[in-house]
C-alpha atoms as a PDB file:
ATOM      1  CA  MET A   1     -42.912  27.364-222.474  1.00  0.00           C
ATOM      2  CA  ILE A   2     -43.603  24.645-219.917  1.00  0.00           C
ATOM      3  CA  ASN A   3     -41.885  21.337-220.578  1.00  0.00           C
ATOM      4  CA  ILE A   4     -44.489  18.592-221.270  1.00  0.00           C
ATOM      5  CA  ASP A   5     -42.780  16.166-218.889  1.00  0.00           C
ATOM      6  CA  GLU A   6     -42.838  18.755-216.123  1.00  0.00           C
ATOM      7  CA  LYS A   7     -46.523  19.404-216.781  1.00  0.00           C
ATOM      8  CA  VAL A   8     -47.338  15.680-216.593  1.00  0.00           C
ATOM      9  CA  LYS A   9     -45.388  15.368-213.350  1.00  0.00           C
ATOM     10  CA  LYS A  10     -47.111  18.424-211.921  1.00  0.00           C
ATOM     11  CA  ASN A  11     -50.556  17.062-212.818  1.00  0.00           C
ATOM     12  CA  ALA A  12     -49.679  13.630-211.411  1.00  0.00           C
ATOM     13  CA  LYS A  13     -48.493  15.202-208.147  1.00  0.00           C
ATOM     14  CA  ALA A  14     -51.670  17.271-207.918  1.00  0.00           C
ATOM     15  CA  MET A  15     -53.772  14.121-208.416  1.00  0.00           C
ATOM     16  CA  ILE A  16     -51.761  12.237-205.756  1.00  0.00           C
ATOM     17  CA  ASP A  17     -52.146  15.135-203.312  1.00  0.00           C
ATOM     18  CA  LYS A  18     -55.885  15.286-203.994  1.00  0.00           C
ATOM     19  CA  ASN A  19     -56.380  11.544-203.495  1.00  0.00           C
ATOM     20  CA  TYR A  20     -54.307  11.589-200.338  1.00  0.00           C
ATOM     21  CA  ALA A  21     -56.201  14.573-198.937  1.00  0.00           C
ATOM     22  CA  SER A  22     -59.515  12.741-199.309  1.00  0.00           C
ATOM     23  CA  GLU A  23     -58.214   9.424-197.941  1.00  0.00           C
ATOM     24  CA  HIS A  24     -56.299  11.010-195.080  1.00  0.00           C
ATOM     25  CA  MET A  25     -59.601  11.645-193.326  1.00  0.00           C
ATOM     26  CA  ASN A  26     -59.796   7.869-192.735  1.00  0.00           C
ATOM     27  CA  PRO A  27     -58.617   7.289-189.118  1.00  0.00           C
ATOM     28  CA  LYS A  28     -57.604   3.702-189.956  1.00  0.00           C
ATOM     29  CA  LEU A  29     -55.224   4.977-192.628  1.00  0.00           C
ATOM     30  CA  VAL A  30     -53.804   7.553-190.235  1.00  0.00           C
ATOM     31  CA  ASN A  31     -53.233   4.828-187.624  1.00  0.00           C
ATOM     32  CA  LEU A  32     -51.562   2.501-190.152  1.00  0.00           C
ATOM     33  CA  ILE A  33     -49.207   5.266-191.319  1.00  0.00           C
ATOM     34  CA  LYS A  34     -48.300   6.126-187.732  1.00  0.00           C
ATOM     35  CA  LYS A  35     -47.862   2.475-186.739  1.00  0.00           C
ATOM     36  CA  THR A  36     -45.478   1.737-189.631  1.00  0.00           C
ATOM     37  CA  ASN A  37     -43.540   5.008-189.231  1.00  0.00           C
ATOM     38  CA  ILE A  38     -44.248   6.054-192.838  1.00  0.00           C
ATOM     39  CA  THR A  39     -43.867   9.725-193.742  1.00  0.00           C
ATOM     40  CA  GLU A  40     -46.639  11.694-195.438  1.00  0.00           C
ATOM     41  CA  GLU A  41     -44.740  11.770-198.732  1.00  0.00           C
ATOM     42  CA  GLU A  42     -44.145   7.990-198.590  1.00  0.00           C
ATOM     43  CA  ALA A  43     -47.821   7.472-197.815  1.00  0.00           C
ATOM     44  CA  LYS A  44     -48.806   9.528-200.854  1.00  0.00           C
ATOM     45  CA  GLN A  45     -46.539   7.488-203.128  1.00  0.00           C
ATOM     46  CA  ASN A  46     -47.884   4.186-201.751  1.00  0.00           C
ATOM     47  CA  LEU A  47     -51.503   5.181-201.239  1.00  0.00           C
ATOM     48  CA  SER A  48     -52.966   2.446-203.457  1.00  0.00           C
ATOM     49  CA  SER A  49     -50.994  -0.285-201.649  1.00  0.00           C
ATOM     50  CA  LEU A  50     -51.965   1.149-198.248  1.00  0.00           C
ATOM     51  CA  GLN A  51     -55.610   1.008-199.311  1.00  0.00           C
ATOM     52  CA  ASP A  52     -55.110  -2.664-200.241  1.00  0.00           C
ATOM     53  CA  THR A  53     -53.684  -3.263-196.765  1.00  0.00           C
ATOM     54  CA  LEU A  54     -56.683  -1.597-195.129  1.00  0.00           C
ATOM     55  CA  SER A  55     -59.042  -3.696-197.227  1.00  0.00           C
ATOM     56  CA  GLU A  56     -57.319  -6.918-196.142  1.00  0.00           C
ATOM     57  CA  LEU A  57     -57.202  -5.822-192.500  1.00  0.00           C
ATOM     58  CA  ASN A  58     -60.921  -5.139-192.725  1.00  0.00           C
ATOM     59  CA  ASN A  59     -61.408  -8.705-194.015  1.00  0.00           C
ATOM     60  CA  CYS A  60     -59.435  -9.963-191.017  1.00  0.00           C
ATOM     61  CA  ALA A  61     -61.669  -8.002-188.623  1.00  0.00           C
ATOM     62  CA  LYS A  62     -64.651  -9.933-190.042  1.00  0.00           C
ATOM     63  CA  CYS A  63     -62.691 -13.179-190.476  1.00  0.00           C
ATOM     64  CA  PRO A  64     -64.876 -16.061-191.727  1.00  0.00           C
ATOM     65  CA  GLY A  65     -62.079 -18.563-190.995  1.00  0.00           C
ATOM     66  CA  LEU A  66     -58.957 -19.640-192.857  1.00  0.00           C
ATOM     67  CA  ALA A  67     -60.824 -21.805-195.370  1.00  0.00           C
ATOM     68  CA  LYS A  68     -62.973 -18.867-196.495  1.00  0.00           C
ATOM     69  CA  CYS A  69     -60.349 -16.130-196.168  1.00  0.00           C
ATOM     70  CA  PRO A  70     -61.157 -13.456-198.823  1.00  0.00           C
ATOM     71  CA  ASN A  71     -57.654 -11.970-198.893  1.00  0.00           C
ATOM     72  CA  HIS A  72     -55.515 -12.251-202.022  1.00  0.00           C
ATOM     73  CA  ILE A  73     -53.482 -15.039-200.382  1.00  0.00           C
ATOM     74  CA  LYS A  74     -55.433 -17.050-197.797  1.00  0.00           C
ATOM     75  CA  GLY A  75     -54.117 -16.545-194.281  1.00  0.00           C
ATOM     76  CA  TYR A  76     -51.923 -13.587-195.205  1.00  0.00           C
ATOM     77  CA  VAL A  77     -52.193  -9.801-195.074  1.00  0.00           C
ATOM     78  CA  TYR A  78     -50.541  -7.448-197.571  1.00  0.00           C
ATOM     79  CA  TYR A  79     -48.659  -5.276-195.091  1.00  0.00           C
ATOM     80  CA  PRO A  80     -46.169  -2.369-195.296  1.00  0.00           C
ATOM     81  CA  GLN A  81     -42.723  -2.442-193.781  1.00  0.00           C
ATOM     82  CA  LYS A  82     -40.154   0.340-193.642  1.00  0.00           C
ATOM     83  CA  GLU A  83     -36.435  -0.317-193.481  1.00  0.00           C
ATOM     84  CA  GLU A  84     -33.840   2.422-193.907  1.00  0.00           C
ATOM     85  CA  SER A  85     -36.295   4.834-195.559  1.00  0.00           C
ATOM     86  CA  ILE A  86     -37.484   2.202-198.035  1.00  0.00           C
ATOM     87  CA  VAL A  87     -41.147   1.186-197.925  1.00  0.00           C
ATOM     88  CA  THR A  88     -41.971  -2.336-199.094  1.00  0.00           C
ATOM     89  CA  PHE A  89     -45.132  -4.431-198.993  1.00  0.00           C
ATOM     90  CA  ASN A  90     -45.072  -8.121-198.110  1.00  0.00           C
ATOM     91  CA  TYR A  91     -47.565 -10.857-197.323  1.00  0.00           C
ATOM     92  CA  VAL A  92     -47.515 -11.481-193.575  1.00  0.00           C
ATOM     93  CA  ALA A  93     -49.212 -14.472-191.905  1.00  0.00           C
ATOM     94  CA  CYS A  94     -52.341 -13.540-189.939  1.00  0.00           C
ATOM     95  CA  LYS A  95     -52.936 -14.534-186.310  1.00  0.00           C
ATOM     96  CA  LYS A  96     -55.281 -17.401-187.232  1.00  0.00           C
ATOM     97  CA  LEU A  97     -52.714 -18.909-189.605  1.00  0.00           C
ATOM     98  CA  LYS A  98     -49.969 -18.558-186.987  1.00  0.00           C
ATOM     99  CA  ASP A  99     -52.191 -20.230-184.367  1.00  0.00           C
ATOM    100  CA  TYR A 100     -53.048 -23.025-186.805  1.00  0.00           C
ATOM    101  CA  GLU A 101     -49.381 -23.641-187.649  1.00  0.00           C
ATOM    102  CA  ALA A 102     -48.476 -23.577-183.947  1.00  0.00           C
ATOM    103  CA  LYS A 103     -51.095 -26.269-183.262  1.00  0.00           C
ATOM    104  CA  ILE A 104     -49.718 -28.411-186.096  1.00  0.00           C
ATOM    105  CA  GLU A 105     -46.218 -28.111-184.652  1.00  0.00           C
ATOM    106  CA  GLU A 106     -47.563 -28.917-181.178  1.00  0.00           C
ATOM    107  CA  ARG A 107     -49.226 -32.080-182.488  1.00  0.00           C
ATOM    108  CA  LYS A 108     -46.006 -33.102-184.241  1.00  0.00           C
ATOM    109  CA  SER A 109     -44.106 -32.534-181.009  1.00  0.00           C
ATOM    110  CA  GLU A 110     -46.642 -34.534-178.987  1.00  0.00           C
ATOM    111  CA  HIS A 111     -46.433 -37.402-181.483  1.00  0.00           C
ATOM    112  CA  GLU A 112     -42.627 -37.400-181.300  1.00  0.00           C
ATOM    113  CA  ILE A 113     -42.717 -37.373-177.495  1.00  0.00           C
ATOM    114  CA  LEU A 114     -45.215 -40.234-177.302  1.00  0.00           C
ATOM    115  CA  GLY A 115     -43.022 -42.361-179.550  1.00  0.00           C
ATOM    116  CA  ALA A 116     -39.619 -41.288-178.198  1.00  0.00           C
ATOM    117  CA  ARG A 117     -37.214 -44.103-177.334  1.00  0.00           C
ATOM    118  CA  MET A 118     -33.637 -44.022-176.091  1.00  0.00           C
ATOM    119  CA  LYS A 119     -32.397 -45.492-179.376  1.00  0.00           C
ATOM    120  CA  ASP A 120     -33.706 -42.324-181.090  1.00  0.00           C
ATOM    121  CA  ILE A 121     -31.528 -39.984-179.036  1.00  0.00           C
ATOM    122  CA  ASP A 122     -28.934 -38.055-181.044  1.00  0.00           C
ATOM    123  CA  ILE A 123     -25.616 -38.978-179.447  1.00  0.00           C
ATOM    124  CA  THR A 124     -23.483 -36.850-181.806  1.00  0.00           C
ATOM    125  CA  ASP A 125     -24.195 -33.600-179.961  1.00  0.00           C
ATOM    126  CA  LYS A 126     -21.320 -33.075-177.511  1.00  0.00           C
ATOM    127  CA  ASN A 127     -23.520 -30.763-175.420  1.00  0.00           C
ATOM    128  CA  ARG A 128     -25.637 -33.788-174.506  1.00  0.00           C
ATOM    129  CA  VAL A 129     -22.901 -36.230-173.471  1.00  0.00           C
ATOM    130  CA  SER A 130     -23.119 -35.804-169.690  1.00  0.00           C
ATOM    131  CA  LEU A 131     -26.923 -35.817-169.791  1.00  0.00           C
ATOM    132  CA  ILE A 132     -27.087 -38.974-171.920  1.00  0.00           C
ATOM    133  CA  LYS A 133     -24.701 -40.723-169.515  1.00  0.00           C
ATOM    134  CA  TRP A 134     -26.966 -39.690-166.626  1.00  0.00           C
ATOM    135  CA  LEU A 135     -30.063 -41.020-168.405  1.00  0.00           C
ATOM    136  CA  LYS A 136     -28.363 -44.329-169.213  1.00  0.00           C
ATOM    137  CA  ALA A 137     -27.221 -44.767-165.603  1.00  0.00           C
ATOM    138  CA  PHE A 138     -30.706 -43.925-164.321  1.00  0.00           C
ATOM    139  CA  TYR A 139     -32.300 -46.485-166.651  1.00  0.00           C
ATOM    140  CA  ASP A 140     -29.834 -49.209-165.647  1.00  0.00           C
ATOM    141  CA  ASN A 141     -30.132 -48.580-161.915  1.00  0.00           C
ATOM    142  CA  TYR A 142     -33.758 -47.537-161.462  1.00  0.00           C
ATOM    143  CA  ASP A 143     -35.618 -49.589-158.858  1.00  0.00           C
ATOM    144  CA  VAL A 144     -39.238 -48.742-158.179  1.00  0.00           C
ATOM    145  CA  SER A 145     -38.859 -49.959-154.590  1.00  0.00           C
ATOM    146  CA  LYS A 146     -36.045 -47.475-153.861  1.00  0.00           C
ATOM    147  CA  SER A 147     -35.907 -43.693-153.677  1.00  0.00           C
ATOM    148  CA  CYS A 148     -34.353 -42.273-156.874  1.00  0.00           C
ATOM    149  CA  LYS A 149     -33.895 -38.583-157.543  1.00  0.00           C
ATOM    150  CA  GLY A 150     -35.080 -37.197-160.867  1.00  0.00           C
ATOM    151  CA  LEU A 151     -33.744 -34.206-162.785  1.00  0.00           C
ATOM    152  CA  TYR A 152     -34.498 -30.527-162.903  1.00  0.00           C
ATOM    153  CA  LEU A 153     -33.432 -30.103-166.531  1.00  0.00           C
ATOM    154  CA  HIS A 154     -33.231 -26.513-167.672  1.00  0.00           C
ATOM    155  CA  GLY A 155     -31.665 -24.812-170.654  1.00  0.00           C
ATOM    156  CA  SER A 156     -32.110 -23.229-174.034  1.00  0.00           C
ATOM    157  CA  PHE A 157     -35.399 -23.238-175.916  1.00  0.00           C
ATOM    158  CA  GLY A 158     -35.870 -26.182-178.286  1.00  0.00           C
ATOM    159  CA  SER A 159     -32.751 -28.054-177.147  1.00  0.00           C
ATOM    160  CA  GLY A 160     -34.657 -31.331-176.752  1.00  0.00           C
ATOM    161  CA  LYS A 161     -35.116 -31.428-172.984  1.00  0.00           C
ATOM    162  CA  THR A 162     -38.618 -32.912-173.115  1.00  0.00           C
ATOM    163  CA  PHE A 163     -37.756 -35.415-175.846  1.00  0.00           C
ATOM    164  CA  LEU A 164     -34.756 -36.765-173.914  1.00  0.00           C
ATOM    165  CA  LEU A 165     -36.660 -37.265-170.666  1.00  0.00           C
ATOM    166  CA  ALA A 166     -39.691 -38.661-172.512  1.00  0.00           C
ATOM    167  CA  ALA A 167     -37.409 -41.194-174.219  1.00  0.00           C
ATOM    168  CA  LEU A 168     -36.197 -42.355-170.796  1.00  0.00           C
ATOM    169  CA  LEU A 169     -39.717 -42.600-169.355  1.00  0.00           C
ATOM    170  CA  ASN A 170     -41.092 -44.396-172.417  1.00  0.00           C
ATOM    171  CA  GLU A 171     -38.232 -46.896-172.220  1.00  0.00           C
ATOM    172  CA  LEU A 172     -38.985 -47.579-168.570  1.00  0.00           C
ATOM    173  CA  LYS A 173     -42.707 -47.993-169.289  1.00  0.00           C
ATOM    174  CA  ILE A 174     -42.171 -50.400-172.181  1.00  0.00           C
ATOM    175  CA  GLU A 175     -39.182 -52.416-171.008  1.00  0.00           C
ATOM    176  CA  LYS A 176     -39.636 -52.382-167.220  1.00  0.00           C
ATOM    177  CA  ASN A 177     -43.396 -51.862-166.902  1.00  0.00           C
ATOM    178  CA  ILE A 178     -42.935 -48.705-164.822  1.00  0.00           C
ATOM    179  CA  ASN A 179     -45.935 -46.440-164.347  1.00  0.00           C
ATOM    180  CA  ALA A 180     -44.770 -43.056-165.658  1.00  0.00           C
ATOM    181  CA  GLU A 181     -46.659 -39.904-166.618  1.00  0.00           C
ATOM    182  CA  ILE A 182     -45.744 -36.741-168.563  1.00  0.00           C
ATOM    183  CA  ILE A 183     -47.762 -33.575-167.950  1.00  0.00           C
ATOM    184  CA  TYR A 184     -47.441 -30.184-169.611  1.00  0.00           C
ATOM    185  CA  PHE A 185     -47.989 -27.983-166.579  1.00  0.00           C
ATOM    186  CA  GLN A 186     -49.996 -25.236-168.331  1.00  0.00           C
ATOM    187  CA  ASP A 187     -52.348 -27.824-169.853  1.00  0.00           C
ATOM    188  CA  LEU A 188     -52.841 -29.485-166.469  1.00  0.00           C
ATOM    189  CA  LEU A 189     -53.854 -26.191-164.873  1.00  0.00           C
ATOM    190  CA  ARG A 190     -56.231 -25.423-167.758  1.00  0.00           C
ATOM    191  CA  GLU A 191     -57.794 -28.888-167.505  1.00  0.00           C
ATOM    192  CA  LEU A 192     -58.342 -28.578-163.761  1.00  0.00           C
ATOM    193  CA  LYS A 193     -59.853 -25.094-164.083  1.00  0.00           C
ATOM    194  CA  ASP A 194     -62.248 -26.265-166.783  1.00  0.00           C
ATOM    195  CA  ASN A 195     -63.397 -29.274-164.787  1.00  0.00           C
ATOM    196  CA  PHE A 196     -63.076 -29.009-161.001  1.00  0.00           C
ATOM    197  CA  ASP A 197     -64.762 -32.403-160.651  1.00  0.00           C
ATOM    198  CA  LEU A 198     -61.522 -33.936-161.963  1.00  0.00           C
ATOM    199  CA  LEU A 199     -59.291 -32.062-159.530  1.00  0.00           C
ATOM    200  CA  ALA A 200     -59.146 -34.513-156.634  1.00  0.00           C
ATOM    201  CA  SER A 201     -58.799 -37.689-158.713  1.00  0.00           C
ATOM    202  CA  LYS A 202     -56.251 -36.143-161.121  1.00  0.00           C
ATOM    203  CA  VAL A 203     -54.047 -34.672-158.396  1.00  0.00           C
ATOM    204  CA  ASN A 204     -54.218 -37.881-156.344  1.00  0.00           C
ATOM    205  CA  TYR A 205     -53.109 -39.897-159.367  1.00  0.00           C
ATOM    206  CA  LEU A 206     -50.189 -37.552-160.096  1.00  0.00           C
ATOM    207  CA  CYS A 207     -49.197 -37.657-156.426  1.00  0.00           C
ATOM    208  CA  SER A 208     -48.853 -41.448-156.558  1.00  0.00           C
ATOM    209  CA  VAL A 209     -47.580 -42.352-160.057  1.00  0.00           C
ATOM    210  CA  ASP A 210     -44.124 -44.039-159.990  1.00  0.00           C
ATOM    211  CA  ILE A 211     -42.375 -41.410-162.133  1.00  0.00           C
ATOM    212  CA  LEU A 212     -43.724 -37.981-163.066  1.00  0.00           C
ATOM    213  CA  LEU A 213     -42.330 -35.482-165.580  1.00  0.00           C
ATOM    214  CA  ILE A 214     -43.632 -31.925-165.130  1.00  0.00           C
ATOM    215  CA  ASP A 215     -42.844 -30.320-168.464  1.00  0.00           C
ATOM    216  CA  ASP A 216     -42.113 -26.632-169.070  1.00  0.00           C
ATOM    217  CA  ILE A 217     -42.580 -25.415-165.524  1.00  0.00           C
ATOM    218  CA  GLY A 218     -42.164 -21.656-165.339  1.00  0.00           C
ATOM    219  CA  ALA A 219     -44.063 -20.989-168.571  1.00  0.00           C
ATOM    220  CA  GLU A 220     -47.409 -20.747-166.763  1.00  0.00           C
ATOM    221  CA  LYS A 221     -49.033 -17.641-165.288  1.00  0.00           C
ATOM    222  CA  VAL A 222     -48.590 -17.961-161.541  1.00  0.00           C
ATOM    223  CA  THR A 223     -51.584 -17.764-159.225  1.00  0.00           C
ATOM    224  CA  ASP A 224     -51.756 -18.564-155.519  1.00  0.00           C
ATOM    225  CA  TRP A 225     -53.995 -21.527-156.436  1.00  0.00           C
ATOM    226  CA  SER A 226     -51.697 -23.010-159.086  1.00  0.00           C
ATOM    227  CA  ARG A 227     -48.576 -22.584-156.959  1.00  0.00           C
ATOM    228  CA  ASP A 228     -49.817 -23.461-153.468  1.00  0.00           C
ATOM    229  CA  GLU A 229     -52.823 -25.721-153.978  1.00  0.00           C
ATOM    230  CA  ILE A 230     -51.727 -27.653-157.086  1.00  0.00           C
ATOM    231  CA  LEU A 231     -47.938 -27.581-157.419  1.00  0.00           C
ATOM    232  CA  GLY A 232     -47.241 -27.381-153.695  1.00  0.00           C
ATOM    233  CA  THR A 233     -49.605 -30.249-152.855  1.00  0.00           C
ATOM    234  CA  LEU A 234     -48.218 -32.381-155.678  1.00  0.00           C
ATOM    235  CA  LEU A 235     -44.576 -31.898-154.734  1.00  0.00           C
ATOM    236  CA  GLN A 236     -45.149 -32.372-150.999  1.00  0.00           C
ATOM    237  CA  ALA A 237     -46.917 -35.693-151.579  1.00  0.00           C
ATOM    238  CA  ARG A 238     -44.232 -36.958-153.968  1.00  0.00           C
ATOM    239  CA  MET A 239     -41.482 -35.887-151.569  1.00  0.00           C
ATOM    240  CA  ASN A 240     -43.205 -37.638-148.642  1.00  0.00           C
ATOM    241  CA  ASN A 241     -43.635 -40.825-150.707  1.00  0.00           C
ATOM    242  CA  LYS A 242     -40.080 -40.625-152.122  1.00  0.00           C
ATOM    243  CA  LEU A 243     -41.367 -40.806-155.701  1.00  0.00           C
ATOM    244  CA  THR A 244     -39.144 -39.909-158.652  1.00  0.00           C
ATOM    245  CA  THR A 245     -40.008 -36.561-160.239  1.00  0.00           C
ATOM    246  CA  PHE A 246     -38.555 -34.802-163.281  1.00  0.00           C
ATOM    247  CA  PHE A 247     -38.918 -31.215-164.462  1.00  0.00           C
ATOM    248  CA  THR A 248     -38.058 -29.370-167.669  1.00  0.00           C
ATOM    249  CA  SER A 249     -37.840 -25.598-167.800  1.00  0.00           C
ATOM    250  CA  ASN A 250     -36.311 -22.733-169.759  1.00  0.00           C
ATOM    251  CA  LEU A 251     -35.551 -21.156-166.357  1.00  0.00           C
ATOM    252  CA  THR A 252     -32.735 -21.876-163.943  1.00  0.00           C
ATOM    253  CA  ILE A 253     -33.814 -22.883-160.455  1.00  0.00           C
ATOM    254  CA  ASP A 254     -33.156 -19.331-159.203  1.00  0.00           C
ATOM    255  CA  GLU A 255     -35.136 -17.819-162.077  1.00  0.00           C
ATOM    256  CA  LEU A 256     -37.991 -20.219-161.332  1.00  0.00           C
ATOM    257  CA  GLU A 257     -38.038 -19.075-157.715  1.00  0.00           C
ATOM    258  CA  ALA A 258     -38.355 -15.443-158.828  1.00  0.00           C
ATOM    259  CA  HIS A 259     -41.126 -16.444-161.248  1.00  0.00           C
ATOM    260  CA  LEU A 260     -43.082 -18.344-158.590  1.00  0.00           C
ATOM    261  CA  ALA A 261     -42.781 -15.513-156.075  1.00  0.00           C
ATOM    262  CA  LEU A 262     -44.928 -13.138-158.119  1.00  0.00           C
ATOM    263  CA  SER A 263     -48.471 -14.393-158.593  1.00  0.00           C
ATOM    264  CA  LYS A 264     -51.356 -12.415-160.091  1.00  0.00           C
ATOM    265  CA  GLU A 265     -52.764 -11.926-156.586  1.00  0.00           C
ATOM    266  CA  SER A 266     -49.679 -11.209-154.512  1.00  0.00           C
ATOM    267  CA  SER A 267     -45.926 -11.374-154.001  1.00  0.00           C
ATOM    268  CA  ASP A 268     -44.768 -14.178-151.703  1.00  0.00           C
ATOM    269  CA  HIS A 269     -41.107 -15.156-151.696  1.00  0.00           C
ATOM    270  CA  VAL A 270     -41.545 -17.504-148.712  1.00  0.00           C
ATOM    271  CA  LYS A 271     -44.015 -19.743-150.555  1.00  0.00           C
ATOM    272  CA  ALA A 272     -41.872 -19.657-153.690  1.00  0.00           C
ATOM    273  CA  ARG A 273     -38.847 -20.712-151.642  1.00  0.00           C
ATOM    274  CA  ARG A 274     -40.877 -23.579-150.159  1.00  0.00           C
ATOM    275  CA  ILE A 275     -41.658 -24.890-153.674  1.00  0.00           C
ATOM    276  CA  ILE A 276     -38.015 -24.600-154.722  1.00  0.00           C
ATOM    277  CA  GLU A 277     -36.831 -26.508-151.644  1.00  0.00           C
ATOM    278  CA  ARG A 278     -39.186 -29.364-152.545  1.00  0.00           C
ATOM    279  CA  ILE A 279     -37.862 -29.413-156.120  1.00  0.00           C
ATOM    280  CA  LYS A 280     -34.297 -29.542-154.802  1.00  0.00           C
ATOM    281  CA  GLN A 281     -35.211 -32.454-152.524  1.00  0.00           C
ATOM    282  CA  LEU A 282     -36.686 -34.344-155.476  1.00  0.00           C
ATOM    283  CA  THR A 283     -34.084 -33.659-158.176  1.00  0.00           C
ATOM    284  CA  GLU A 284     -30.569 -33.093-159.340  1.00  0.00           C
ATOM    285  CA  ASP A 285     -29.982 -29.867-161.264  1.00  0.00           C
ATOM    286  CA  MET A 286     -28.649 -30.135-164.825  1.00  0.00           C
ATOM    287  CA  GLU A 287     -28.377 -27.693-167.712  1.00  0.00           C
ATOM    288  CA  LEU A 288     -28.725 -28.418-171.430  1.00  0.00           C
ATOM    289  CA  VAL A 289     -27.694 -25.702-173.852  1.00  0.00           C
ATOM    290  CA  SER A 290     -27.783 -26.762-177.487  1.00  0.00           C
ATOM    291  CA  VAL A 291     -29.124 -25.858-180.915  1.00  0.00           C
ATOM    292  CA  ASN A 292     -32.839 -25.164-181.345  1.00  0.00           C
ATOM    293  CA  ARG A 293     -34.055 -28.432-182.836  1.00  0.00           C
ATOM    294  CA  ARG A 294     -37.558 -27.052-183.334  1.00  0.00           C
ATOM    295  CA  GLY A 295     -36.160 -24.627-185.880  1.00  0.00           C
END
């Protein structure tokens, strides 16, 4: 005589196999299983949840925007994850939500930078001591009529490089009426590409402003135009006019040279070296390695 429990299990397995056989014809399901490294048996046991994932991914493909997101939790996708042979399902932020949150953080960062003052600098971090001393000495001794080298400040992501230099520049603008400008290099390139009518006036202004901070150099995609026509022209003019220039980067000066050598169009180490020599003429090199304050 067949045990009732065994019969129920056998019938349940047959039903699962049948459902899986019909659904397995769906190429999207096959791709999801392959992508998440789920075995056939695991897929059978989690078929209903995998179908929920496909439904939410389908919603994302026809996304009406975050406000009208039809998924169970707005901005999230119910997605499988496999760790050590255990399959779990979690709600993972979609690309639109991630982009939205990144923009919010960017606006917060911009607001902090615009309002940064030297009194706001955290002086308890021992990794910043030599840099803070440098900034204080620069502020005390800066004379717009004299040639003063800026900094090439590189180091770990989120360590506060931009905030520290922005605090110095804001202090000089407010207290000493110095004309200073901060540009995020990728944004500058995007702005100039979108509106070539601005190119001459914008570049001329940046070539002549008393103090210029070029933020996050090395994060941009290098082209011959951005390196030679924009950056090269800008640095040559500022070097000729002995104008103070600052840079922040996650790259060392040597890493930046390697980055600048490889553009989308070509490989040119001579032109990259020319840019680096101008940066060295304009700045002192300093490293800041500290905790990620953005976290």
